PDB file of all heavy atoms in Angstrom:
ATOM      1  N   HIS A   1     108.823 109.227 105.086  1.00  0.00           N
ATOM      2  CA  HIS A   1     108.645 110.368 104.176  1.00  0.00           C
ATOM      3  C   HIS A   1     107.775 111.459 104.750  1.00  0.00           C
ATOM      4  O   HIS A   1     107.807 112.571 104.296  1.00  0.00           O
ATOM      5  CB  HIS A   1     108.021 109.872 102.841  1.00  0.00           C
ATOM      6  CG  HIS A   1     108.878 108.905 102.129  1.00  0.00           C
ATOM      7  ND1 HIS A   1     108.425 107.999 101.182  1.00  0.00           N
ATOM      8  CD2 HIS A   1     110.205 108.630 102.230  1.00  0.00           C
ATOM      9  CE1 HIS A   1     109.414 107.290 100.693  1.00  0.00           C
ATOM     10  NE2 HIS A   1     110.510 107.647 101.330  1.00  0.00           N
ATOM     11  N   ASP A   2     106.951 111.164 105.754  1.00  0.00           N
ATOM     12  CA  ASP A   2     106.109 112.194 106.413  1.00  0.00           C
ATOM     13  C   ASP A   2     106.890 112.898 107.536  1.00  0.00           C
ATOM     14  O   ASP A   2     106.303 113.706 108.213  1.00  0.00           O
ATOM     15  CB  ASP A   2     104.813 111.590 106.902  1.00  0.00           C
ATOM     16  CG  ASP A   2     104.994 110.493 107.939  1.00  0.00           C
ATOM     17  OD1 ASP A   2     106.172 110.229 108.361  1.00  0.00           O
ATOM     18  OD2 ASP A   2     103.994 109.901 108.385  1.00  0.00           O
ATOM     19  N   GLY A   3     108.141 112.576 107.707  1.00  0.00           N
ATOM     20  CA  GLY A   3     108.973 113.259 108.703  1.00  0.00           C
ATOM     21  C   GLY A   3     109.028 112.584 110.052  1.00  0.00           C
ATOM     22  O   GLY A   3     109.831 112.948 110.896  1.00  0.00           O
ATOM     23  N   THR A   4     108.194 111.565 110.257  1.00  0.00           N
ATOM     24  CA  THR A   4     108.189 110.904 111.574  1.00  0.00           C
ATOM     25  C   THR A   4     109.364 109.916 111.647  1.00  0.00           C
ATOM     26  O   THR A   4     109.731 109.322 110.611  1.00  0.00           O
ATOM     27  CB  THR A   4     106.858 110.164 111.790  1.00  0.00           C
ATOM     28  OG1 THR A   4     106.656 109.207 110.759  1.00  0.00           O
ATOM     29  CG2 THR A   4     105.697 111.145 111.778  1.00  0.00           C
ATOM     30  N   PRO A   5     109.881 109.639 112.854  1.00  0.00           N
ATOM     31  CA  PRO A   5     110.984 108.717 112.984  1.00  0.00           C
ATOM     32  C   PRO A   5     110.520 107.291 112.782  1.00  0.00           C
ATOM     33  O   PRO A   5     109.349 106.933 113.064  1.00  0.00           O
ATOM     34  CB  PRO A   5     111.506 108.914 114.398  1.00  0.00           C
ATOM     35  CG  PRO A   5     110.295 109.469 115.159  1.00  0.00           C
ATOM     36  CD  PRO A   5     109.530 110.284 114.157  1.00  0.00           C
ATOM     37  N   VAL A   6     111.360 106.450 112.224  1.00  0.00           N
ATOM     38  CA  VAL A   6     111.140 104.985 112.126  1.00  0.00           C
ATOM     39  C   VAL A   6     111.370 104.363 113.516  1.00  0.00           C
ATOM     40  O   VAL A   6     112.470 104.479 114.062  1.00  0.00           O
ATOM     41  CB  VAL A   6     112.002 104.343 111.093  1.00  0.00           C
ATOM     42  CG1 VAL A   6     111.796 102.815 111.065  1.00  0.00           C
ATOM     43  CG2 VAL A   6     111.789 104.942 109.700  1.00  0.00           C
ATOM     44  N   LEU A   7     110.329 103.779 114.070  1.00  0.00           N
ATOM     45  CA  LEU A   7     110.448 103.178 115.399  1.00  0.00           C
ATOM     46  C   LEU A   7     110.287 101.669 115.302  1.00  0.00           C
ATOM     47  O   LEU A   7     109.708 101.108 114.342  1.00  0.00           O
ATOM     48  CB  LEU A   7     109.371 103.758 116.321  1.00  0.00           C
ATOM     49  CG  LEU A   7     109.382 105.283 116.521  1.00  0.00           C
ATOM     50  CD1 LEU A   7     108.207 105.712 117.404  1.00  0.00           C
ATOM     51  CD2 LEU A   7     110.701 105.769 117.102  1.00  0.00           C
ATOM     52  N   ALA A   8     110.780 101.005 116.290  1.00  0.00           N
ATOM     53  CA  ALA A   8     110.713  99.519 116.285  1.00  0.00           C
ATOM     54  C   ALA A   8     109.310  98.985 116.218  1.00  0.00           C
ATOM     55  O   ALA A   8     109.046  97.960 115.572  1.00  0.00           O
ATOM     56  CB  ALA A   8     111.414  98.980 117.532  1.00  0.00           C
ATOM     57  N   ARG A   9     108.364  99.722 116.809  1.00  0.00           N
ATOM     58  CA  ARG A   9     106.977  99.265 116.775  1.00  0.00           C
ATOM     59  C   ARG A   9     106.391  99.374 115.392  1.00  0.00           C
ATOM     60  O   ARG A   9     105.522  98.581 114.988  1.00  0.00           O
ATOM     61  CB  ARG A   9     106.124 100.065 117.785  1.00  0.00           C
ATOM     62  CG  ARG A   9     105.912 101.496 117.512  1.00  0.00           C
ATOM     63  CD  ARG A   9     104.905 102.088 118.504  1.00  0.00           C
ATOM     64  NE  ARG A   9     104.705 103.497 118.325  1.00  0.00           N
ATOM     65  CZ  ARG A   9     105.349 104.457 119.016  1.00  0.00           C
ATOM     66  NH1 ARG A   9     106.238 104.090 119.950  1.00  0.00           N
ATOM     67  NH2 ARG A   9     105.073 105.684 118.783  1.00  0.00           N
ATOM     68  N   ASP A  10     106.895 100.308 114.568  1.00  0.00           N
ATOM     69  CA  ASP A  10     106.491 100.387 113.150  1.00  0.00           C
ATOM     70  C   ASP A  10     106.964  99.099 112.431  1.00  0.00           C
ATOM     71  O   ASP A  10     106.202  98.518 111.636  1.00  0.00           O
ATOM     72  CB  ASP A  10     107.119 101.575 112.475  1.00  0.00           C
ATOM     73  CG  ASP A  10     106.648 102.911 113.047  1.00  0.00           C
ATOM     74  OD1 ASP A  10     105.451 103.108 113.147  1.00  0.00           O
ATOM     75  OD2 ASP A  10     107.518 103.754 113.403  1.00  0.00           O
ATOM     76  N   CYS A  11     108.151  98.714 112.729  1.00  0.00           N
ATOM     77  CA  CYS A  11     108.724  97.538 112.106  1.00  0.00           C
ATOM     78  C   CYS A  11     108.038  96.218 112.529  1.00  0.00           C
ATOM     79  O   CYS A  11     107.796  95.346 111.721  1.00  0.00           O
ATOM     80  CB  CYS A  11     110.209  97.450 112.351  1.00  0.00           C
ATOM     81  SG  CYS A  11     111.112  98.869 111.773  1.00  0.00           S
ATOM     82  N   VAL A  12     107.694  96.163 113.806  1.00  0.00           N
ATOM     83  CA  VAL A  12     107.006  94.970 114.299  1.00  0.00           C
ATOM     84  C   VAL A  12     105.659  94.813 113.570  1.00  0.00           C
ATOM     85  O   VAL A  12     105.284  93.763 113.116  1.00  0.00           O
ATOM     86  CB  VAL A  12     106.784  95.079 115.846  1.00  0.00           C
ATOM     87  CG1 VAL A  12     105.804  94.031 116.284  1.00  0.00           C
ATOM     88  CG2 VAL A  12     108.128  94.874 116.529  1.00  0.00           C
ATOM     89  N   ALA A  13     104.915  95.928 113.467  1.00  0.00           N
ATOM     90  CA  ALA A  13     103.649  95.886 112.777  1.00  0.00           C
ATOM     91  C   ALA A  13     103.824  95.533 111.311  1.00  0.00           C
ATOM     92  O   ALA A  13     103.027  94.757 110.673  1.00  0.00           O
ATOM     93  CB  ALA A  13     102.890  97.234 112.902  1.00  0.00           C
ATOM     94  N   SER A  14     104.849  96.093 110.685  1.00  0.00           N
ATOM     95  CA  SER A  14     105.150  95.799 109.262  1.00  0.00           C
ATOM     96  C   SER A  14     105.455  94.322 109.074  1.00  0.00           C
ATOM     97  O   SER A  14     105.076  93.675 108.096  1.00  0.00           O
ATOM     98  CB  SER A  14     106.269  96.689 108.746  1.00  0.00           C
ATOM     99  OG  SER A  14     105.958  98.038 108.826  1.00  0.00           O
ATOM    100  N   LEU A  15     106.296  93.788 109.969  1.00  0.00           N
ATOM    101  CA  LEU A  15     106.657  92.385 109.906  1.00  0.00           C
ATOM    102  C   LEU A  15     105.476  91.486 110.027  1.00  0.00           C
ATOM    103  O   LEU A  15     105.336  90.473 109.288  1.00  0.00           O
ATOM    104  CB  LEU A  15     107.694  92.060 110.933  1.00  0.00           C
ATOM    105  CG  LEU A  15     109.108  92.633 110.767  1.00  0.00           C
ATOM    106  CD1 LEU A  15     109.928  92.475 112.050  1.00  0.00           C
ATOM    107  CD2 LEU A  15     109.821  91.891 109.614  1.00  0.00           C
ATOM    108  N   ARG A  16     104.555  91.777 110.925  1.00  0.00           N
ATOM    109  CA  ARG A  16     103.392  90.952 111.107  1.00  0.00           C
ATOM    110  C   ARG A  16     102.519  90.954 109.874  1.00  0.00           C
ATOM    111  O   ARG A  16     101.963  89.933 109.439  1.00  0.00           O
ATOM    112  CB  ARG A  16     102.585  91.448 112.305  1.00  0.00           C
ATOM    113  CG  ARG A  16     103.254  91.241 113.658  1.00  0.00           C
ATOM    114  CD  ARG A  16     102.341  91.601 114.811  1.00  0.00           C
ATOM    115  NE  ARG A  16     102.993  91.518 116.075  1.00  0.00           N
ATOM    116  CZ  ARG A  16     103.263  90.403 116.725  1.00  0.00           C
ATOM    117  NH1 ARG A  16     102.894  89.228 116.237  1.00  0.00           N
ATOM    118  NH2 ARG A  16     103.871  90.426 117.896  1.00  0.00           N
ATOM    119  N   ARG A  17     102.389  92.125 109.265  1.00  0.00           N
ATOM    120  CA  ARG A  17     101.591  92.221 108.041  1.00  0.00           C
ATOM    121  C   ARG A  17     102.154  91.445 106.927  1.00  0.00           C
ATOM    122  O   ARG A  17     101.486  90.641 106.225  1.00  0.00           O
ATOM    123  CB  ARG A  17     101.379  93.684 107.662  1.00  0.00           C
ATOM    124  CG  ARG A  17     100.520  93.942 106.438  1.00  0.00           C
ATOM    125  CD  ARG A  17     100.247  95.395 106.236  1.00  0.00           C
ATOM    126  NE  ARG A  17      99.290  95.584 105.163  1.00  0.00           N
ATOM    127  CZ  ARG A  17      99.584  95.911 103.908  1.00  0.00           C
ATOM    128  NH1 ARG A  17     100.871  96.083 103.572  1.00  0.00           N
ATOM    129  NH2 ARG A  17      98.644  96.078 102.990  1.00  0.00           N
ATOM    130  N   TRP A  18     103.470  91.624 106.658  1.00  0.00           N
ATOM    131  CA  TRP A  18     104.189  90.956 105.569  1.00  0.00           C
ATOM    132  C   TRP A  18     104.137  89.449 105.750  1.00  0.00           C
ATOM    133  O   TRP A  18     103.938  88.651 104.775  1.00  0.00           O
ATOM    134  CB  TRP A  18     105.642  91.491 105.529  1.00  0.00           C
ATOM    135  CG  TRP A  18     106.556  90.605 104.836  1.00  0.00           C
ATOM    136  CD1 TRP A  18     106.752  90.514 103.479  1.00  0.00           C
ATOM    137  CD2 TRP A  18     107.553  89.699 105.402  1.00  0.00           C
ATOM    138  NE1 TRP A  18     107.755  89.601 103.166  1.00  0.00           N
ATOM    139  CE2 TRP A  18     108.223  89.065 104.341  1.00  0.00           C
ATOM    140  CE3 TRP A  18     107.854  89.325 106.749  1.00  0.00           C
ATOM    141  CZ2 TRP A  18     109.235  88.115 104.576  1.00  0.00           C
ATOM    142  CZ3 TRP A  18     108.857  88.403 106.948  1.00  0.00           C
ATOM    143  CH2 TRP A  18     109.538  87.799 105.890  1.00  0.00           C
ATOM    144  N   ALA A  19     104.336  88.934 106.966  1.00  0.00           N
ATOM    145  CA  ALA A  19     104.412  87.521 107.215  1.00  0.00           C
ATOM    146  C   ALA A  19     103.067  86.784 106.886  1.00  0.00           C
ATOM    147  O   ALA A  19     103.093  85.587 106.647  1.00  0.00           O
ATOM    148  CB  ALA A  19     104.811  87.230 108.673  1.00  0.00           C
ATOM    149  N   LYS A  20     101.979  87.548 106.875  1.00  0.00           N
ATOM    150  CA  LYS A  20     100.696  86.928 106.474  1.00  0.00           C
ATOM    151  C   LYS A  20     100.554  86.698 105.018  1.00  0.00           C
ATOM    152  O   LYS A  20      99.687  85.968 104.563  1.00  0.00           O
ATOM    153  CB  LYS A  20      99.547  87.839 106.992  1.00  0.00           C
ATOM    154  CG  LYS A  20      99.438  87.846 108.508  1.00  0.00           C
ATOM    155  CD  LYS A  20      98.312  88.789 108.986  1.00  0.00           C
ATOM    156  CE  LYS A  20      98.273  88.801 110.496  1.00  0.00           C
ATOM    157  NZ  LYS A  20      97.293  89.775 110.989  1.00  0.00           N
ATOM    158  N   ARG A  21     101.457  87.258 104.206  1.00  0.00           N
ATOM    159  CA  ARG A  21     101.422  87.080 102.769  1.00  0.00           C
ATOM    160  C   ARG A  21     102.623  86.294 102.246  1.00  0.00           C
ATOM    161  O   ARG A  21     102.559  85.725 101.112  1.00  0.00           O
ATOM    162  CB  ARG A  21     101.381  88.474 102.061  1.00  0.00           C
ATOM    163  CG  ARG A  21     100.120  89.300 102.300  1.00  0.00           C
ATOM    164  CD  ARG A  21      98.851  88.596 101.995  1.00  0.00           C
ATOM    165  NE  ARG A  21      98.780  88.066 100.656  1.00  0.00           N
ATOM    166  CZ  ARG A  21      98.266  88.761  99.619  1.00  0.00           C
ATOM    167  NH1 ARG A  21      97.777  89.964  99.788  1.00  0.00           N
ATOM    168  NH2 ARG A  21      98.225  88.221  98.438  1.00  0.00           N
ATOM    169  N   ASP A  22     103.718  86.270 102.990  1.00  0.00           N
ATOM    170  CA  ASP A  22     104.933  85.661 102.456  1.00  0.00           C
ATOM    171  C   ASP A  22     105.157  84.286 103.081  1.00  0.00           C
ATOM    172  O   ASP A  22     105.160  84.138 104.320  1.00  0.00           O
ATOM    173  CB  ASP A  22     106.145  86.544 102.783  1.00  0.00           C
ATOM    174  CG  ASP A  22     107.454  86.040 102.247  1.00  0.00           C
ATOM    175  OD1 ASP A  22     107.727  86.296 101.079  1.00  0.00           O
ATOM    176  OD2 ASP A  22     108.150  85.316 102.975  1.00  0.00           O
ATOM    177  N   PRO A  23     105.386  83.217 102.276  1.00  0.00           N
ATOM    178  CA  PRO A  23     105.534  81.876 102.832  1.00  0.00           C
ATOM    179  C   PRO A  23     106.768  81.759 103.812  1.00  0.00           C
ATOM    180  O   PRO A  23     106.692  81.091 104.831  1.00  0.00           O
ATOM    181  CB  PRO A  23     105.738  80.999 101.640  1.00  0.00           C
ATOM    182  CG  PRO A  23     105.104  81.749 100.508  1.00  0.00           C
ATOM    183  CD  PRO A  23     105.336  83.185 100.815  1.00  0.00           C
ATOM    184  N   PHE A  24     107.910  82.408 103.442  1.00  0.00           N
ATOM    185  CA  PHE A  24     109.048  82.386 104.303  1.00  0.00           C
ATOM    186  C   PHE A  24     108.741  83.107 105.646  1.00  0.00           C
ATOM    187  O   PHE A  24     109.063  82.631 106.716  1.00  0.00           O
ATOM    188  CB  PHE A  24     110.227  83.022 103.607  1.00  0.00           C
ATOM    189  CG  PHE A  24     111.617  82.595 104.030  1.00  0.00           C
ATOM    190  CD1 PHE A  24     112.700  82.954 103.239  1.00  0.00           C
ATOM    191  CD2 PHE A  24     111.796  81.867 105.211  1.00  0.00           C
ATOM    192  CE1 PHE A  24     114.006  82.531 103.648  1.00  0.00           C
ATOM    193  CE2 PHE A  24     113.094  81.469 105.577  1.00  0.00           C
ATOM    194  CZ  PHE A  24     114.158  81.821 104.800  1.00  0.00           C
ATOM    195  N   GLY A  25     108.119  84.306 105.514  1.00  0.00           N
ATOM    196  CA  GLY A  25     107.724  84.999 106.701  1.00  0.00           C
ATOM    197  C   GLY A  25     106.721  84.241 107.546  1.00  0.00           C
ATOM    198  O   GLY A  25     106.789  84.266 108.784  1.00  0.00           O
ATOM    199  N   GLY A  26     105.805  83.524 106.913  1.00  0.00           N
ATOM    200  CA  GLY A  26     104.849  82.702 107.690  1.00  0.00           C
ATOM    201  C   GLY A  26     105.592  81.610 108.482  1.00  0.00           C
ATOM    202  O   GLY A  26     105.219  81.343 109.619  1.00  0.00           O
ATOM    203  N   SER A  27     106.586  81.010 107.852  1.00  0.00           N
ATOM    204  CA  SER A  27     107.359  79.983 108.579  1.00  0.00           C
ATOM    205  C   SER A  27     108.110  80.566 109.771  1.00  0.00           C
ATOM    206  O   SER A  27     108.202  79.989 110.835  1.00  0.00           O
ATOM    207  CB  SER A  27     108.339  79.296 107.632  1.00  0.00           C
ATOM    208  OG  SER A  27     107.647  78.608 106.599  1.00  0.00           O
ATOM    209  N   LEU A  28     108.645  81.783 109.560  1.00  0.00           N
ATOM    210  CA  LEU A  28     109.329  82.467 110.688  1.00  0.00           C
ATOM    211  C   LEU A  28     108.340  82.769 111.823  1.00  0.00           C
ATOM    212  O   LEU A  28     108.678  82.499 112.991  1.00  0.00           O
ATOM    213  CB  LEU A  28     109.958  83.790 110.139  1.00  0.00           C
ATOM    214  CG  LEU A  28     110.514  84.718 111.264  1.00  0.00           C
ATOM    215  CD1 LEU A  28     111.588  84.040 112.089  1.00  0.00           C
ATOM    216  CD2 LEU A  28     111.071  85.980 110.584  1.00  0.00           C
ATOM    217  N   MET A  29     107.155  83.237 111.522  1.00  0.00           N
ATOM    218  CA  MET A  29     106.198  83.512 112.576  1.00  0.00           C
ATOM    219  C   MET A  29     105.690  82.263 113.249  1.00  0.00           C
ATOM    220  O   MET A  29     105.399  82.291 114.445  1.00  0.00           O
ATOM    221  CB  MET A  29     105.009  84.301 111.992  1.00  0.00           C
ATOM    222  CG  MET A  29     105.386  85.709 111.516  1.00  0.00           C
ATOM    223  SD  MET A  29     106.264  86.704 112.754  1.00  0.00           S
ATOM    224  CE  MET A  29     105.028  86.804 114.020  1.00  0.00           C
ATOM    225  N   GLU A  30     105.612  81.125 112.519  1.00  0.00           N
ATOM    226  CA  GLU A  30     105.257  79.898 113.158  1.00  0.00           C
ATOM    227  C   GLU A  30     106.303  79.473 114.179  1.00  0.00           C
ATOM    228  O   GLU A  30     105.954  78.811 115.176  1.00  0.00           O
ATOM    229  CB  GLU A  30     105.122  78.797 112.112  1.00  0.00           C
ATOM    230  CG  GLU A  30     103.888  78.909 111.237  1.00  0.00           C
ATOM    231  CD  GLU A  30     103.847  77.875 110.125  1.00  0.00           C
ATOM    232  OE1 GLU A  30     104.779  77.049 110.080  1.00  0.00           O
ATOM    233  OE2 GLU A  30     102.952  77.958 109.273  1.00  0.00           O
ATOM    234  N   ALA A  31     107.557  79.887 113.962  1.00  0.00           N
ATOM    235  CA  ALA A  31     108.637  79.577 114.924  1.00  0.00           C
ATOM    236  C   ALA A  31     108.781  80.602 116.014  1.00  0.00           C
ATOM    237  O   ALA A  31     109.663  80.476 116.886  1.00  0.00           O
ATOM    238  CB  ALA A  31     109.949  79.448 114.181  1.00  0.00           C
ATOM    239  N   THR A  32     107.958  81.660 115.988  1.00  0.00           N
ATOM    240  CA  THR A  32     108.098  82.782 116.902  1.00  0.00           C
ATOM    241  C   THR A  32     107.093  82.710 118.028  1.00  0.00           C
ATOM    242  O   THR A  32     105.849  82.601 117.787  1.00  0.00           O
ATOM    243  CB  THR A  32     107.947  84.119 116.123  1.00  0.00           C
ATOM    244  OG1 THR A  32     108.946  84.176 115.127  1.00  0.00           O
ATOM    245  CG2 THR A  32     108.100  85.290 117.069  1.00  0.00           C
ATOM    246  N   ASP A  33     107.548  82.770 119.279  1.00  0.00           N
ATOM    247  CA  ASP A  33     106.669  82.908 120.428  1.00  0.00           C
ATOM    248  C   ASP A  33     106.206  84.295 120.621  1.00  0.00           C
ATOM    249  O   ASP A  33     105.079  84.524 120.965  1.00  0.00           O
ATOM    250  CB  ASP A  33     107.409  82.388 121.680  1.00  0.00           C
ATOM    251  CG  ASP A  33     107.019  80.990 122.098  1.00  0.00           C
ATOM    252  OD1 ASP A  33     105.902  80.553 121.701  1.00  0.00           O
ATOM    253  OD2 ASP A  33     107.794  80.305 122.749  1.00  0.00           O
ATOM    254  N   GLU A  34     107.144  85.251 120.475  1.00  0.00           N
ATOM    255  CA  GLU A  34     106.833  86.667 120.745  1.00  0.00           C
ATOM    256  C   GLU A  34     107.637  87.543 119.788  1.00  0.00           C
ATOM    257  O   GLU A  34     108.879  87.355 119.649  1.00  0.00           O
ATOM    258  CB  GLU A  34     107.131  86.998 122.176  1.00  0.00           C
ATOM    259  CG  GLU A  34     106.849  88.473 122.530  1.00  0.00           C
ATOM    260  CD  GLU A  34     107.370  88.781 123.941  1.00  0.00           C
ATOM    261  OE1 GLU A  34     107.971  87.924 124.600  1.00  0.00           O
ATOM    262  OE2 GLU A  34     107.198  89.982 124.339  1.00  0.00           O
ATOM    263  N   LEU A  35     106.993  88.535 119.167  1.00  0.00           N
ATOM    264  CA  LEU A  35     107.608  89.567 118.400  1.00  0.00           C
ATOM    265  C   LEU A  35     107.278  90.897 119.035  1.00  0.00           C
ATOM    266  O   LEU A  35     106.105  91.229 119.158  1.00  0.00           O
ATOM    267  CB  LEU A  35     107.172  89.503 116.976  1.00  0.00           C
ATOM    268  CG  LEU A  35     107.676  90.640 116.040  1.00  0.00           C
ATOM    269  CD1 LEU A  35     109.170  90.714 115.979  1.00  0.00           C
ATOM    270  CD2 LEU A  35     107.092  90.472 114.630  1.00  0.00           C
ATOM    271  N   SER A  36     108.285  91.671 119.518  1.00  0.00           N
ATOM    272  CA  SER A  36     107.953  92.850 120.275  1.00  0.00           C
ATOM    273  C   SER A  36     108.958  93.956 120.034  1.00  0.00           C
ATOM    274  O   SER A  36     109.998  93.746 119.361  1.00  0.00           O
ATOM    275  CB  SER A  36     107.964  92.526 121.811  1.00  0.00           C
ATOM    276  OG  SER A  36     109.250  92.049 122.219  1.00  0.00           O
ATOM    277  N   ALA A  37     108.701  95.132 120.577  1.00  0.00           N
ATOM    278  CA  ALA A  37     109.566  96.292 120.498  1.00  0.00           C
ATOM    279  C   ALA A  37     109.848  96.812 121.928  1.00  0.00           C
ATOM    280  O   ALA A  37     109.115  97.662 122.419  1.00  0.00           O
ATOM    281  CB  ALA A  37     108.957  97.393 119.618  1.00  0.00           C
ATOM    282  N   PRO A  38     110.846  96.250 122.591  1.00  0.00           N
ATOM    283  CA  PRO A  38     111.072  96.659 123.994  1.00  0.00           C
ATOM    284  C   PRO A  38     111.481  98.121 124.114  1.00  0.00           C
ATOM    285  O   PRO A  38     111.332  98.742 125.221  1.00  0.00           O
ATOM    286  CB  PRO A  38     112.173  95.711 124.449  1.00  0.00           C
ATOM    287  CG  PRO A  38     112.802  95.188 123.205  1.00  0.00           C
ATOM    288  CD  PRO A  38     111.681  95.177 122.183  1.00  0.00           C
ATOM    289  N   ASP A  39     112.073  98.722 123.053  1.00  0.00           N
ATOM    290  CA  ASP A  39     112.328 100.181 123.020  1.00  0.00           C
ATOM    291  C   ASP A  39     112.236 100.622 121.583  1.00  0.00           C
ATOM    292  O   ASP A  39     111.936  99.841 120.697  1.00  0.00           O
ATOM    293  CB  ASP A  39     113.680 100.488 123.648  1.00  0.00           C
ATOM    294  CG  ASP A  39     114.825  99.805 122.974  1.00  0.00           C
ATOM    295  OD1 ASP A  39     114.973  99.951 121.732  1.00  0.00           O
ATOM    296  OD2 ASP A  39     115.607  99.052 123.657  1.00  0.00           O
ATOM    297  N   ASP A  40     112.482 101.944 121.351  1.00  0.00           N
ATOM    298  CA  ASP A  40     112.264 102.529 120.073  1.00  0.00           C
ATOM    299  C   ASP A  40     113.193 101.972 118.941  1.00  0.00           C
ATOM    300  O   ASP A  40     112.864 102.076 117.783  1.00  0.00           O
ATOM    301  CB  ASP A  40     112.416 104.037 120.123  1.00  0.00           C
ATOM    302  CG  ASP A  40     111.216 104.719 120.798  1.00  0.00           C
ATOM    303  OD1 ASP A  40     110.208 104.010 121.029  1.00  0.00           O
ATOM    304  OD2 ASP A  40     111.344 105.924 121.128  1.00  0.00           O
ATOM    305  N   ARG A  41     114.314 101.415 119.309  1.00  0.00           N
ATOM    306  CA  ARG A  41     115.265 100.917 118.321  1.00  0.00           C
ATOM    307  C   ARG A  41     115.481  99.458 118.344  1.00  0.00           C
ATOM    308  O   ARG A  41     116.285  98.953 117.523  1.00  0.00           O
ATOM    309  CB  ARG A  41     116.625 101.668 118.524  1.00  0.00           C
ATOM    310  CG  ARG A  41     116.551 103.186 118.177  1.00  0.00           C
ATOM    311  CD  ARG A  41     117.953 103.790 118.342  1.00  0.00           C
ATOM    312  NE  ARG A  41     118.931 103.131 117.520  1.00  0.00           N
ATOM    313  CZ  ARG A  41     120.239 103.114 117.756  1.00  0.00           C
ATOM    314  NH1 ARG A  41     120.690 103.660 118.911  1.00  0.00           N
ATOM    315  NH2 ARG A  41     121.067 102.510 116.945  1.00  0.00           N
ATOM    316  N   THR A  42     114.774  98.694 119.210  1.00  0.00           N
ATOM    317  CA  THR A  42     115.031  97.294 119.297  1.00  0.00           C
ATOM    318  C   THR A  42     113.810  96.455 118.849  1.00  0.00           C
ATOM    319  O   THR A  42     112.697  96.686 119.337  1.00  0.00           O
ATOM    320  CB  THR A  42     115.378  96.879 120.753  1.00  0.00           C
ATOM    321  OG1 THR A  42     116.556  97.612 121.154  1.00  0.00           O
ATOM    322  CG2 THR A  42     115.711  95.409 120.830  1.00  0.00           C
ATOM    323  N   ILE A  43     114.002  95.552 117.947  1.00  0.00           N
ATOM    324  CA  ILE A  43     113.002  94.589 117.482  1.00  0.00           C
ATOM    325  C   ILE A  43     113.385  93.224 118.061  1.00  0.00           C
ATOM    326  O   ILE A  43     114.463  92.765 117.797  1.00  0.00           O
ATOM    327  CB  ILE A  43     112.956  94.527 115.902  1.00  0.00           C
ATOM    328  CG1 ILE A  43     112.678  95.876 115.347  1.00  0.00           C
ATOM    329  CG2 ILE A  43     111.875  93.491 115.484  1.00  0.00           C
ATOM    330  CD1 ILE A  43     113.105  96.026 113.862  1.00  0.00           C
ATOM    331  N   ARG A  44     112.541  92.610 118.822  1.00  0.00           N
ATOM    332  CA  ARG A  44     112.902  91.361 119.490  1.00  0.00           C
ATOM    333  C   ARG A  44     112.035  90.218 119.052  1.00  0.00           C
ATOM    334  O   ARG A  44     110.824  90.265 119.014  1.00  0.00           O
ATOM    335  CB  ARG A  44     112.753  91.548 121.024  1.00  0.00           C
ATOM    336  CG  ARG A  44     113.025  90.254 121.827  1.00  0.00           C
ATOM    337  CD  ARG A  44     113.199  90.586 123.322  1.00  0.00           C
ATOM    338  NE  ARG A  44     114.392  91.401 123.518  1.00  0.00           N
ATOM    339  CZ  ARG A  44     114.611  92.080 124.627  1.00  0.00           C
ATOM    340  NH1 ARG A  44     113.721  92.053 125.638  1.00  0.00           N
ATOM    341  NH2 ARG A  44     115.699  92.825 124.795  1.00  0.00           N
TER     342      ARG A  44
END
């Protein structure tokens, strides 16, 4: 809404924050070795 593009690193940070509150997300992060943004449109 502030006009900036949505980038993968925004999503990575958002996922990490959400997973600390959501039980399903917490289980996903327990199974995750690495969550990264190799480029602006890719969440890995």
